[in-house]
Amino acid sequence: MVDNLTVDEQISTRRSKRSCRLSIVKTQPSIESKENESLLVNDNDDIDEEDPPELFQLGDIFWVRVAGNPWWPALIYGSYYEDNLYTKIVKTPRRPKKRLYFVYFFGPAFEYAWTNANSLIAYSGLDEFIRQAQICVQNATKKSEQEALANRYELKVTANKRADWDKAIEEADKAFKLTREQRIENFAEILKNILNKAEKNNSNKKRQPSITTRQSRKTLSPSTNKSSNRSSVKRQKTISTSESTSTILLHVGLPTLTKKEEKQIVTNLLDHPKQEQLTLDEALSFVCQLTTEIIKENFHYDMSCVQIEWFYDFLLNHSEIILKYSHWFNKDIELVKDDPIYLKQCQLKNMIENQKK
């Protein structure tokens, strides 16, 4: 049974359009020329453009919406991988500057993301979110506005995410009662413990690699195929590692699949009922759903989302998908400097162009 939460009875249950930073140029320029164009725009057209104001602070709590997930409570906090930076400004050619905020999501998965202010709603608990959403929808004067707001505030939580979502709200409610300084202090301690446990776990794996391998072979059914054995051992290591909460948290969003499982996803995607009518957003949702089902079956772990970087790597590793659905990349790529997604988009576009020659 699937649990669904709706803002009110009028809210549409249509699948929300997934936000995606994707578009591709009709004629592919080099990455270097794009960057030069970006610099040229910054030097000439945007000399007087001011930086967007910093509206939110470290330790603030928000509802955050990212592709593939319902509204989820999160805390603004510095990125461990970017010297604790919690806000930054990005600039693309011919578009205004955007300010992004780094958030950690409440719940057992310990996920994180950069997001813009349009994807943030101040957190005051679930009841207040629903109340404010109902007011916004009811106050809309046009039907199209009501539908747009209903889609924006839709709270649709699937069964496999419901437990984590409930836990996240419980944690957010507790944090909401604290001062901003207390939230920062508490989360700093949590992050420190997670990193220490992860480092210790990695050290143990390096010192005793043979033990894990022997245990893996004992628990798996015998196979005469060597490549299958290697794949099975690798997956069993992941299962063993998943018993450590810290490792699960730090690697969430990066699924581990065998070649056979990847091939299964590729086949299902190529045989999708929509065929040429399938959009990139729909493909992303479809692949993520299949992947989380496989992870659930293999590891008994509910993966709340799949990182978009992994999805693009999946496309790069299976050119047959791109060749069939080349229409996904008929629009201009929006340049985001130093963004790995942008680089992967360019790689995919080049792959298509090379096949046409």
Protein backbone atom coordinates (compact mmCIF):
# COMPACT_ATOMS: atom_id res chain seq x y z
CA MET A 1 0.00 0.00 0.00
CA VAL A 2 1.29 3.42 -0.93
CA ASP A 3 0.83 6.28 1.51
CA ASN A 4 0.02 9.62 -0.08
CA LEU A 5 -0.23 12.98 1.73
CA THR A 6 -2.05 15.75 -0.16
CA VAL A 7 -2.28 19.40 0.77
CA ASP A 8 -6.03 19.24 0.34
CA GLU A 9 -8.58 17.38 -1.76
CA GLN A 10 -8.26 19.88 -4.59
CA ILE A 11 -4.56 19.31 -5.01
CA SER A 12 -3.84 17.37 -8.18
CA THR A 13 -2.25 13.98 -7.85
CA ARG A 14 -0.50 14.38 -11.16
CA ARG A 15 3.16 13.66 -11.06
CA SER A 16 5.00 16.90 -10.37
CA LYS A 17 7.29 18.13 -13.05
CA ARG A 18 10.79 17.35 -11.98
CA SER A 19 13.19 20.24 -11.95
CA CYS A 20 16.25 19.57 -14.07
CA ARG A 21 19.13 21.74 -15.08
CA LEU A 22 19.20 20.28 -18.56
CA SER A 23 19.33 21.73 -22.03
CA ILE A 24 21.66 21.20 -24.94
CA VAL A 25 22.89 23.42 -27.79
CA LYS A 26 21.83 22.78 -31.35
CA THR A 27 25.43 23.05 -32.51
CA GLN A 28 27.84 22.02 -29.79
CA PRO A 29 30.48 24.60 -28.90
CA SER A 30 33.52 23.62 -26.93
CA ILE A 31 33.49 23.94 -23.15
CA GLU A 32 36.33 26.43 -23.38
CA SER A 33 34.36 28.73 -25.69
CA LYS A 34 31.39 28.59 -23.33
CA GLU A 35 33.56 29.60 -20.39
CA ASN A 36 35.06 32.43 -22.41
CA GLU A 37 31.55 33.58 -23.28
CA SER A 38 30.65 33.49 -19.60
CA LEU A 39 33.66 35.62 -18.73
CA LEU A 40 32.83 38.06 -21.52
CA VAL A 41 29.30 38.49 -20.27
CA ASN A 42 30.50 39.02 -16.73
CA ASP A 43 33.04 41.62 -17.81
CA ASN A 44 30.72 43.67 -19.99
CA ASP A 45 27.00 43.16 -19.49
CA ASP A 46 26.89 42.49 -15.75
CA ILE A 47 29.40 44.98 -14.40
CA ASP A 48 26.73 46.78 -12.40
CA GLU A 49 24.78 43.70 -11.38
CA GLU A 50 24.70 43.31 -7.64
CA ASP A 51 24.97 39.99 -5.86
CA PRO A 52 21.63 38.57 -4.68
CA PRO A 53 21.12 39.31 -0.99
CA GLU A 54 21.79 36.62 1.59
CA LEU A 55 18.28 35.98 2.86
CA PHE A 56 18.95 32.97 5.07
CA GLN A 57 21.49 32.10 7.72
CA LEU A 58 23.49 29.16 8.92
CA GLY A 59 21.29 27.00 11.14
CA ASP A 60 17.94 27.96 9.57
CA ILE A 61 15.43 25.16 8.96
CA PHE A 62 13.40 24.89 5.73
CA TRP A 63 11.21 22.65 3.70
CA VAL A 64 13.27 21.83 0.60
CA ARG A 65 12.11 20.35 -2.69
CA VAL A 66 14.52 18.47 -4.94
CA ALA A 67 13.84 16.30 -7.97
CA GLY A 68 12.50 12.87 -7.12
CA ASN A 69 11.46 13.70 -3.55
CA PRO A 70 8.58 15.34 -1.69
CA TRP A 71 9.09 18.48 0.37
CA TRP A 72 11.64 17.50 2.98
CA PRO A 73 12.85 19.32 6.13
CA ALA A 74 16.50 20.39 5.96
CA LEU A 75 19.07 22.48 7.80
CA ILE A 76 21.31 25.12 6.22
CA TYR A 77 24.85 24.18 7.14
CA GLY A 78 28.34 24.48 5.65
CA SER A 79 29.47 21.93 3.08
CA TYR A 80 32.15 19.67 4.54
CA TYR A 81 33.66 19.24 1.07
CA GLU A 82 33.82 22.98 0.34
CA ASP A 83 35.49 24.39 3.45
CA ASN A 84 32.16 24.74 5.28
CA LEU A 85 30.74 27.09 2.64
CA TYR A 86 26.97 27.34 3.09
CA THR A 87 26.02 29.88 0.42
CA LYS A 88 27.46 30.86 -2.93
CA ILE A 89 26.55 32.75 -6.09
CA VAL A 90 26.44 31.21 -9.56
CA LYS A 91 26.28 33.08 -12.85
CA THR A 92 25.26 31.91 -16.31
CA PRO A 93 25.41 33.91 -19.57
CA ARG A 94 22.49 36.29 -20.20
CA ARG A 95 20.85 35.35 -16.92
CA PRO A 96 20.83 37.03 -13.53
CA LYS A 97 22.98 35.77 -10.72
CA LYS A 98 21.59 33.14 -8.39
CA ARG A 99 22.39 32.53 -4.76
CA LEU A 100 22.51 28.91 -3.64
CA TYR A 101 22.36 27.46 -0.14
CA PHE A 102 23.83 24.18 1.09
CA VAL A 103 21.46 22.03 3.12
CA TYR A 104 21.57 18.73 4.99
CA PHE A 105 18.29 16.85 5.03
CA PHE A 106 16.87 15.54 8.28
CA GLY A 107 16.29 11.80 8.53
CA PRO A 108 18.43 8.65 8.57
CA ALA A 109 19.83 9.04 5.06
CA PHE A 110 22.02 12.12 5.76
CA GLU A 111 21.57 13.55 2.27
CA TYR A 112 22.69 16.99 1.20
CA ALA A 113 22.41 19.37 -1.76
CA TRP A 114 22.94 22.88 -3.10
CA THR A 115 19.57 24.53 -3.73
CA ASN A 116 18.26 27.97 -4.61
CA ALA A 117 15.92 30.16 -2.59
CA ASN A 118 12.92 29.27 -4.78
CA SER A 119 13.11 25.71 -3.49
CA LEU A 120 12.97 26.75 0.18
CA ILE A 121 9.96 27.29 2.41
CA ALA A 122 10.43 28.31 6.04
CA TYR A 123 9.82 25.38 8.37
CA SER A 124 7.18 25.63 11.10
CA GLY A 125 5.98 22.03 11.22
CA LEU A 126 3.83 19.88 8.95
CA ASP A 127 0.46 21.29 10.05
CA GLU A 128 1.55 24.85 9.33
CA PHE A 129 2.87 23.84 5.91
CA ILE A 130 -0.46 22.28 4.97
CA ARG A 131 -2.39 25.29 6.31
CA GLN A 132 -0.31 27.79 4.35
CA ALA A 133 -0.55 25.68 1.20
CA GLN A 134 -4.33 25.55 1.44
CA ILE A 135 -4.53 29.30 1.86
CA CYS A 136 -2.32 29.93 -1.18
CA VAL A 137 -4.33 27.57 -3.40
CA GLN A 138 -7.70 28.93 -2.26
CA ASN A 139 -6.62 32.55 -2.74
CA ALA A 140 -5.56 31.98 -6.35
CA THR A 141 -8.00 33.69 -8.73
CA LYS A 142 -7.37 31.60 -11.82
CA LYS A 143 -7.67 27.87 -12.32
CA SER A 144 -4.23 27.70 -13.90
CA GLU A 145 -2.75 29.43 -10.84
CA GLN A 146 -4.51 27.01 -8.52
CA GLU A 147 -3.11 24.05 -10.47
CA ALA A 148 0.39 25.51 -10.43
CA LEU A 149 0.25 26.12 -6.68
CA ALA A 150 -1.24 22.69 -6.06
CA ASN A 151 1.69 21.15 -7.90
CA ARG A 152 4.16 23.30 -6.01
CA TYR A 153 2.85 22.42 -2.56
CA GLU A 154 2.01 18.80 -3.30
CA LEU A 155 2.99 16.45 -0.48
CA LYS A 156 3.12 13.06 -2.12
CA VAL A 157 5.19 10.55 -0.17
CA THR A 158 5.60 7.03 -1.50
CA ALA A 159 5.51 4.04 0.81
CA ASN A 160 9.24 3.33 0.56
CA LYS A 161 10.05 6.88 1.72
CA ARG A 162 7.33 7.36 4.31
CA ALA A 163 9.25 6.03 7.31
CA ASP A 164 12.28 8.21 6.59
CA TRP A 165 10.03 11.21 5.91
CA ASP A 166 8.22 10.80 9.23
CA LYS A 167 11.55 10.46 11.02
CA ALA A 168 12.87 13.58 9.30
CA ILE A 169 9.86 15.63 10.43
CA GLU A 170 10.29 14.34 13.98
CA GLU A 171 13.94 15.45 14.01
CA ALA A 172 13.10 18.80 12.42
CA ASP A 173 10.40 19.50 15.01
CA LYS A 174 12.92 18.93 17.80
CA ALA A 175 15.52 21.14 16.13
CA PHE A 176 12.92 23.84 15.47
CA LYS A 177 12.51 24.32 19.23
CA LEU A 178 16.23 25.08 19.60
CA THR A 179 18.00 28.35 18.92
CA ARG A 180 19.99 28.70 15.72
CA GLU A 181 23.24 28.49 17.67
CA GLN A 182 22.13 25.27 19.41
CA ARG A 183 21.22 23.68 16.08
CA ILE A 184 24.64 24.50 14.66
CA GLU A 185 26.41 23.13 17.71
CA ASN A 186 24.36 19.92 17.75
CA PHE A 187 24.78 19.24 14.06
CA ALA A 188 28.52 19.92 14.20
CA GLU A 189 28.82 17.16 16.79
CA ILE A 190 26.70 14.77 14.72
CA LEU A 191 28.78 15.41 11.60
CA LYS A 192 32.01 14.96 13.55
CA ASN A 193 30.89 11.58 14.88
CA ILE A 194 29.81 10.39 11.43
CA LEU A 195 33.12 11.32 9.84
CA ASN A 196 35.13 9.75 12.65
CA LYS A 197 33.20 6.48 12.38
CA ALA A 198 33.56 6.47 8.59
CA GLU A 199 37.32 7.02 8.83
CA LYS A 200 37.66 4.26 11.41
CA ASN A 201 35.58 1.89 9.30
CA ASN A 202 37.71 2.58 6.22
CA SER A 203 40.88 1.95 8.21
CA ASN A 204 39.55 -1.41 9.38
CA LYS A 205 38.71 -2.42 5.84
CA LYS A 206 42.23 -1.58 4.66
CA ARG A 207 43.86 -3.61 7.45
CA GLN A 208 41.66 -6.69 6.98
CA PRO A 209 40.66 -6.99 3.31
CA SER A 210 40.99 -10.79 3.25
CA ILE A 211 38.55 -11.30 6.13
CA THR A 212 35.75 -9.52 4.31
CA THR A 213 36.45 -11.49 1.14
CA ARG A 214 36.40 -14.85 2.90
CA GLN A 215 33.19 -14.03 4.74
CA SER A 216 31.59 -12.89 1.50
CA ARG A 217 32.41 -16.13 -0.30
CA LYS A 218 31.01 -18.21 2.55
CA THR A 219 27.66 -16.43 2.58
CA LEU A 220 27.13 -16.44 -1.19
CA SER A 221 25.91 -19.36 -3.25
CA PRO A 222 28.70 -20.99 -5.31
CA SER A 223 29.16 -19.99 -8.91
CA THR A 224 31.44 -21.30 -11.63
CA ASN A 225 31.55 -17.91 -13.38
CA LYS A 226 34.60 -15.96 -12.19
CA SER A 227 33.30 -12.58 -13.23
CA SER A 228 30.05 -13.31 -11.42
CA ASN A 229 32.03 -14.25 -8.31
CA ARG A 230 33.95 -10.99 -8.36
CA SER A 231 30.74 -9.03 -8.76
CA SER A 232 29.06 -10.97 -5.95
CA VAL A 233 31.97 -10.45 -3.59
CA LYS A 234 31.93 -6.75 -4.28
CA ARG A 235 28.22 -6.57 -3.52
CA GLN A 236 28.61 -8.62 -0.36
CA LYS A 237 31.24 -6.14 0.84
CA THR A 238 28.70 -3.42 0.34
CA ILE A 239 26.16 -5.35 2.39
CA SER A 240 28.69 -5.79 5.16
CA THR A 241 29.59 -2.12 5.02
CA SER A 242 25.91 -1.15 5.04
CA GLU A 243 25.74 -2.50 8.57
CA SER A 244 27.77 0.54 9.52
CA THR A 245 25.45 3.53 9.68
CA SER A 246 28.21 5.99 8.88
CA THR A 247 29.09 4.31 5.59
CA ILE A 248 25.46 4.23 4.50
CA LEU A 249 25.07 7.91 5.25
CA LEU A 250 28.16 9.03 3.38
CA HIS A 251 27.41 6.96 0.29
CA VAL A 252 23.69 7.56 0.04
CA GLY A 253 22.54 8.39 -3.45
CA LEU A 254 25.25 6.32 -5.17
CA PRO A 255 23.78 2.87 -5.89
CA THR A 256 25.96 -0.19 -6.42
CA LEU A 257 24.65 -2.31 -9.29
CA THR A 258 25.97 -5.35 -11.10
CA LYS A 259 26.39 -5.40 -14.87
CA LYS A 260 23.33 -7.62 -15.12
CA GLU A 261 21.23 -5.18 -13.10
CA GLU A 262 22.41 -2.23 -15.19
CA LYS A 263 21.54 -4.14 -18.35
CA GLN A 264 18.09 -4.82 -16.95
CA ILE A 265 17.52 -1.10 -16.38
CA VAL A 266 18.83 -0.27 -19.86
CA THR A 267 16.47 -2.80 -21.45
CA ASN A 268 13.46 -1.47 -19.55
CA LEU A 269 14.33 2.08 -20.52
CA LEU A 270 14.77 1.23 -24.20
CA ASP A 271 11.43 -0.64 -24.16
CA HIS A 272 9.58 2.12 -22.32
CA PRO A 273 5.96 2.38 -23.53
CA LYS A 274 6.31 6.06 -24.40
CA GLN A 275 9.25 5.39 -26.70
CA GLU A 276 10.15 8.62 -28.56
CA GLN A 277 7.67 10.59 -26.45
CA LEU A 278 9.66 9.86 -23.30
CA THR A 279 11.23 12.99 -21.80
CA LEU A 280 14.54 13.22 -19.96
CA ASP A 281 12.75 14.08 -16.70
CA GLU A 282 10.55 11.00 -17.06
CA ALA A 283 13.59 8.85 -17.82
CA LEU A 284 15.34 10.16 -14.72
CA SER A 285 12.33 9.31 -12.57
CA PHE A 286 11.96 5.89 -14.21
CA VAL A 287 15.63 4.90 -13.75
CA CYS A 288 15.69 6.14 -10.15
CA GLN A 289 12.58 4.12 -9.33
CA LEU A 290 14.02 0.92 -10.82
CA THR A 291 17.33 1.51 -9.05
CA THR A 292 15.80 2.05 -5.62
CA GLU A 293 13.74 -1.13 -6.06
CA ILE A 294 16.90 -3.12 -6.84
CA ILE A 295 18.74 -1.64 -3.86
CA LYS A 296 15.77 -2.46 -1.63
CA GLU A 297 15.73 -6.07 -2.82
CA ASN A 298 19.50 -6.57 -2.54
CA PHE A 299 20.35 -4.69 0.62
CA HIS A 300 16.97 -4.25 2.36
CA TYR A 301 17.69 -0.51 2.39
CA ASP A 302 15.26 2.22 1.35
CA MET A 303 17.24 4.62 -0.81
CA SER A 304 15.35 7.90 -0.70
CA CYS A 305 16.96 9.33 -3.84
CA VAL A 306 19.64 8.77 -6.46
CA GLN A 307 22.20 11.47 -7.14
CA ILE A 308 21.75 13.09 -10.54
CA GLU A 309 25.49 12.76 -11.19
CA TRP A 310 25.08 8.98 -11.02
CA PHE A 311 22.23 9.14 -13.55
CA TYR A 312 24.41 11.03 -16.05
CA ASP A 313 27.26 8.59 -15.54
CA PHE A 314 24.78 5.80 -16.22
CA LEU A 315 23.84 7.45 -19.53
CA LEU A 316 27.50 7.93 -20.45
CA ASN A 317 28.18 4.24 -19.83
CA HIS A 318 25.28 3.13 -22.04
CA SER A 319 25.43 4.97 -25.34
CA GLU A 320 22.52 2.97 -26.77
CA ILE A 321 20.18 4.98 -24.54
CA ILE A 322 21.48 8.31 -25.81
CA LEU A 323 21.38 7.24 -29.44
CA LYS A 324 17.73 6.23 -29.17
CA TYR A 325 16.64 9.26 -27.16
CA SER A 326 18.89 11.87 -28.76
CA HIS A 327 15.96 14.33 -28.73
CA TRP A 328 16.62 14.82 -25.03
CA PHE A 329 19.53 17.05 -25.99
CA ASN A 330 18.08 19.37 -28.61
CA LYS A 331 18.08 22.47 -26.43
CA ASP A 332 20.86 24.75 -25.28
CA ILE A 333 22.95 23.72 -22.32
CA GLU A 334 22.77 26.17 -19.46
CA LEU A 335 26.34 26.84 -18.42
CA VAL A 336 27.10 26.54 -14.73
CA LYS A 337 30.81 27.05 -14.29
CA ASP A 338 32.68 24.22 -12.56
CA ASP A 339 29.46 22.19 -12.43
CA PRO A 340 30.04 18.46 -13.07
CA ILE A 341 26.52 18.11 -14.49
CA TYR A 342 27.30 20.65 -17.20
CA LEU A 343 30.45 18.75 -18.16
CA LYS A 344 28.55 15.47 -18.38
CA GLN A 345 25.91 17.12 -20.56
CA CYS A 346 28.62 18.26 -22.94
CA GLN A 347 30.04 14.75 -23.05
CA LEU A 348 26.64 13.32 -23.93
CA LYS A 349 26.13 15.91 -26.64
CA ASN A 350 29.53 15.15 -28.13
CA MET A 351 28.70 11.46 -28.06
CA ILE A 352 25.59 12.10 -30.15
CA GLU A 353 27.42 14.36 -32.60
CA ASN A 354 30.21 11.80 -33.09
CA GLN A 355 27.71 9.05 -33.89
CA LYS A 356 26.07 11.22 -36.56
CA LYS A 357 29.33 11.79 -38.42
